[in-house]
Structure formats: structure tokens, C-alpha cells
Amino acid sequence: DWNSPAEIEKDTVAFVKLMHSVAAIYMYEWLISLDFEWDFISGKKRFRWPMIFYFLNRYCLLLALIGM
């Protein structure tokens, strides 16, 4: 029965574990790409308009994963 409390509890536990795994993978990717971002902040690379989408996606996804 999909509506039983035991099944809902198992699904909740599985979802939480999945979200923690996804968040860990994204945080790893986020940390290893900080040097790319630092090059823009420090002026080593020129900022171009497509980077707006990169940074918007980067921080929106980070905030979404933190919010879950």
C-alpha cells in the first residue's frame, strides 16, 4: 500500500539520502570550480555577458540545494 505510514517513511528516508548525495556531489563541483570564479573576481579573466547565466545557475542551484 503506497499510502501506508511505513511506506511513506521509507520513501522519505530514501529521498533524504538521495538529496544529501546530490548536494555532496554539487558542493564538491562547486568547490573545485572556485578558482575559475576567482579569476573573474581578481581580474585575470575578462567578464563576458554569457557568464551571467553561468553564475546565476551556479548560485540558484546552490541555494536550492541548501533550501532542501
N, C-alpha and C. Protein backbone atom coordinates (compact mmCIF):
# COMPACT_ATOMS: atom_id res chain seq x y z
N ASP A 1 0.85 -1.19 0.00
CA ASP A 1 0.00 0.00 0.00
C ASP A 1 0.89 1.25 0.00
N TRP A 2 0.72 2.09 -1.01
CA TRP A 2 1.56 3.29 -1.15
C TRP A 2 1.23 4.37 -0.13
N ASN A 3 0.09 4.28 0.49
CA ASN A 3 -0.32 5.31 1.45
C ASN A 3 -0.07 4.91 2.90
N SER A 4 0.51 3.76 3.12
CA SER A 4 0.74 3.33 4.50
C SER A 4 1.86 4.17 5.11
N PRO A 5 1.76 4.44 6.40
CA PRO A 5 2.80 5.24 7.07
C PRO A 5 4.20 4.62 6.96
N ALA A 6 4.28 3.31 6.97
CA ALA A 6 5.60 2.66 6.88
C ALA A 6 6.23 2.91 5.51
N GLU A 7 5.43 2.83 4.46
CA GLU A 7 5.95 3.06 3.10
C GLU A 7 6.33 4.53 2.91
N ILE A 8 5.53 5.42 3.43
CA ILE A 8 5.85 6.86 3.33
C ILE A 8 7.14 7.16 4.08
N GLU A 9 7.33 6.53 5.23
CA GLU A 9 8.57 6.73 6.00
C GLU A 9 9.78 6.22 5.22
N LYS A 10 9.67 5.05 4.59
CA LYS A 10 10.78 4.52 3.79
C LYS A 10 11.09 5.43 2.60
N ASP A 11 10.06 5.94 1.96
CA ASP A 11 10.27 6.85 0.82
C ASP A 11 10.92 8.15 1.27
N THR A 12 10.52 8.63 2.43
CA THR A 12 11.11 9.86 2.96
C THR A 12 12.59 9.68 3.26
N VAL A 13 12.93 8.57 3.87
CA VAL A 13 14.34 8.29 4.18
C VAL A 13 15.16 8.17 2.90
N ALA A 14 14.61 7.49 1.90
CA ALA A 14 15.32 7.35 0.62
C ALA A 14 15.51 8.71 -0.05
N PHE A 15 14.48 9.56 0.00
CA PHE A 15 14.58 10.88 -0.61
C PHE A 15 15.64 11.73 0.09
N VAL A 16 15.66 11.69 1.40
CA VAL A 16 16.64 12.48 2.16
C VAL A 16 18.06 12.01 1.83
N LYS A 17 18.26 10.70 1.75
CA LYS A 17 19.59 10.19 1.40
C LYS A 17 19.99 10.60 -0.01
N LEU A 18 19.05 10.55 -0.94
CA LEU A 18 19.33 10.97 -2.31
C LEU A 18 19.69 12.45 -2.37
N MET A 19 18.95 13.28 -1.66
CA MET A 19 19.22 14.73 -1.68
C MET A 19 20.57 15.04 -1.05
N HIS A 20 20.94 14.32 0.00
CA HIS A 20 22.25 14.54 0.60
C HIS A 20 23.36 14.14 -0.37
N SER A 21 23.16 13.06 -1.10
CA SER A 21 24.16 12.63 -2.08
C SER A 21 24.30 13.64 -3.21
N VAL A 22 23.19 14.13 -3.72
CA VAL A 22 23.22 15.13 -4.79
C VAL A 22 23.88 16.41 -4.30
N ALA A 23 23.54 16.83 -3.09
CA ALA A 23 24.13 18.05 -2.53
C ALA A 23 25.63 17.89 -2.34
N ALA A 24 26.07 16.73 -1.90
CA ALA A 24 27.51 16.50 -1.71
C ALA A 24 28.25 16.55 -3.04
N ILE A 25 27.69 15.94 -4.06
CA ILE A 25 28.33 15.97 -5.38
C ILE A 25 28.39 17.39 -5.91
N TYR A 26 27.31 18.15 -5.75
CA TYR A 26 27.30 19.53 -6.24
C TYR A 26 28.27 20.40 -5.44
N MET A 27 28.32 20.22 -4.13
CA MET A 27 29.25 21.02 -3.32
C MET A 27 30.70 20.72 -3.72
N TYR A 28 31.00 19.47 -4.03
CA TYR A 28 32.35 19.12 -4.50
C TYR A 28 32.65 19.86 -5.80
N GLU A 29 31.71 19.81 -6.74
CA GLU A 29 31.90 20.50 -8.02
C GLU A 29 32.02 22.01 -7.80
N TRP A 30 31.23 22.55 -6.89
CA TRP A 30 31.24 23.98 -6.61
C TRP A 30 32.60 24.39 -6.04
N LEU A 31 33.12 23.58 -5.13
CA LEU A 31 34.41 23.92 -4.52
C LEU A 31 35.57 23.81 -5.50
N ILE A 32 35.57 22.80 -6.36
CA ILE A 32 36.71 22.66 -7.27
C ILE A 32 36.67 23.68 -8.40
N SER A 33 35.55 24.35 -8.60
CA SER A 33 35.49 25.37 -9.65
C SER A 33 35.60 26.80 -9.10
N LEU A 34 35.92 26.93 -7.82
CA LEU A 34 36.08 28.26 -7.24
C LEU A 34 37.25 29.02 -7.87
N ASP A 35 38.28 28.33 -8.29
CA ASP A 35 39.42 29.02 -8.91
C ASP A 35 39.01 29.70 -10.21
N PHE A 36 38.08 29.08 -10.95
CA PHE A 36 37.55 29.70 -12.17
C PHE A 36 36.83 31.00 -11.83
N GLU A 37 36.03 30.97 -10.77
CA GLU A 37 35.31 32.17 -10.35
C GLU A 37 36.27 33.23 -9.82
N TRP A 38 37.30 32.80 -9.10
CA TRP A 38 38.26 33.74 -8.55
C TRP A 38 39.01 34.50 -9.65
N ASP A 39 39.21 33.87 -10.79
CA ASP A 39 39.87 34.54 -11.91
C ASP A 39 39.05 35.74 -12.39
N PHE A 40 37.74 35.66 -12.33
CA PHE A 40 36.90 36.80 -12.69
C PHE A 40 36.94 37.88 -11.62
N ILE A 41 36.90 37.47 -10.37
CA ILE A 41 36.92 38.44 -9.26
C ILE A 41 38.25 39.18 -9.23
N SER A 42 39.34 38.45 -9.43
CA SER A 42 40.66 39.08 -9.36
C SER A 42 41.06 39.79 -10.65
N GLY A 43 40.28 39.64 -11.71
CA GLY A 43 40.56 40.34 -12.95
C GLY A 43 41.47 39.60 -13.91
N LYS A 44 41.79 38.36 -13.63
CA LYS A 44 42.64 37.58 -14.54
C LYS A 44 41.91 37.21 -15.82
N LYS A 45 40.61 37.04 -15.73
CA LYS A 45 39.79 36.75 -16.91
C LYS A 45 38.78 37.87 -17.09
N ARG A 46 38.51 38.16 -18.34
CA ARG A 46 37.54 39.20 -18.64
C ARG A 46 36.13 38.65 -18.49
N PHE A 47 35.26 39.44 -17.90
CA PHE A 47 33.86 39.02 -17.74
C PHE A 47 33.12 39.28 -19.04
N ARG A 48 32.40 38.28 -19.50
CA ARG A 48 31.58 38.40 -20.71
C ARG A 48 30.14 38.09 -20.35
N TRP A 49 29.22 38.60 -21.13
CA TRP A 49 27.81 38.51 -20.77
C TRP A 49 27.28 37.09 -20.62
N PRO A 50 27.76 36.06 -21.35
CA PRO A 50 27.24 34.71 -21.10
C PRO A 50 27.55 34.19 -19.69
N MET A 51 28.56 34.77 -19.04
CA MET A 51 28.90 34.34 -17.69
C MET A 51 27.80 34.68 -16.69
N ILE A 52 26.93 35.62 -17.04
CA ILE A 52 25.79 35.94 -16.17
C ILE A 52 24.96 34.68 -15.95
N PHE A 53 24.70 33.92 -17.01
CA PHE A 53 23.91 32.70 -16.90
C PHE A 53 24.65 31.63 -16.09
N TYR A 54 25.95 31.57 -16.26
CA TYR A 54 26.76 30.61 -15.50
C TYR A 54 26.65 30.89 -14.00
N PHE A 55 26.88 32.15 -13.62
CA PHE A 55 26.84 32.49 -12.20
C PHE A 55 25.43 32.42 -11.64
N LEU A 56 24.44 32.81 -12.42
CA LEU A 56 23.05 32.73 -11.97
C LEU A 56 22.68 31.27 -11.70
N ASN A 57 23.02 30.39 -12.62
CA ASN A 57 22.74 28.97 -12.43
C ASN A 57 23.51 28.40 -11.24
N ARG A 58 24.77 28.79 -11.13
CA ARG A 58 25.63 28.29 -10.07
C ARG A 58 25.06 28.60 -8.69
N TYR A 59 24.65 29.85 -8.49
CA TYR A 59 24.18 30.23 -7.17
C TYR A 59 22.72 29.90 -6.93
N CYS A 60 21.89 29.87 -7.95
CA CYS A 60 20.50 29.44 -7.77
C CYS A 60 20.43 27.96 -7.38
N LEU A 61 21.23 27.13 -8.03
CA LEU A 61 21.25 25.71 -7.68
C LEU A 61 21.82 25.50 -6.29
N LEU A 62 22.83 26.25 -5.93
CA LEU A 62 23.39 26.15 -4.58
C LEU A 62 22.34 26.50 -3.54
N LEU A 63 21.62 27.59 -3.76
CA LEU A 63 20.58 27.99 -2.81
C LEU A 63 19.43 26.99 -2.78
N ALA A 64 19.08 26.42 -3.92
CA ALA A 64 18.01 25.42 -3.95
C ALA A 64 18.41 24.17 -3.17
N LEU A 65 19.65 23.74 -3.31
CA LEU A 65 20.09 22.56 -2.57
C LEU A 65 20.19 22.84 -1.08
N ILE A 66 20.59 24.04 -0.72
CA ILE A 66 20.63 24.40 0.70
C ILE A 66 19.21 24.45 1.27
N GLY A 67 18.27 24.94 0.46
CA GLY A 67 16.89 25.05 0.90
C GLY A 67 16.18 23.73 1.09
N MET A 68 16.69 22.67 0.45
CA MET A 68 16.05 21.36 0.62
C MET A 68 16.56 20.77 1.87
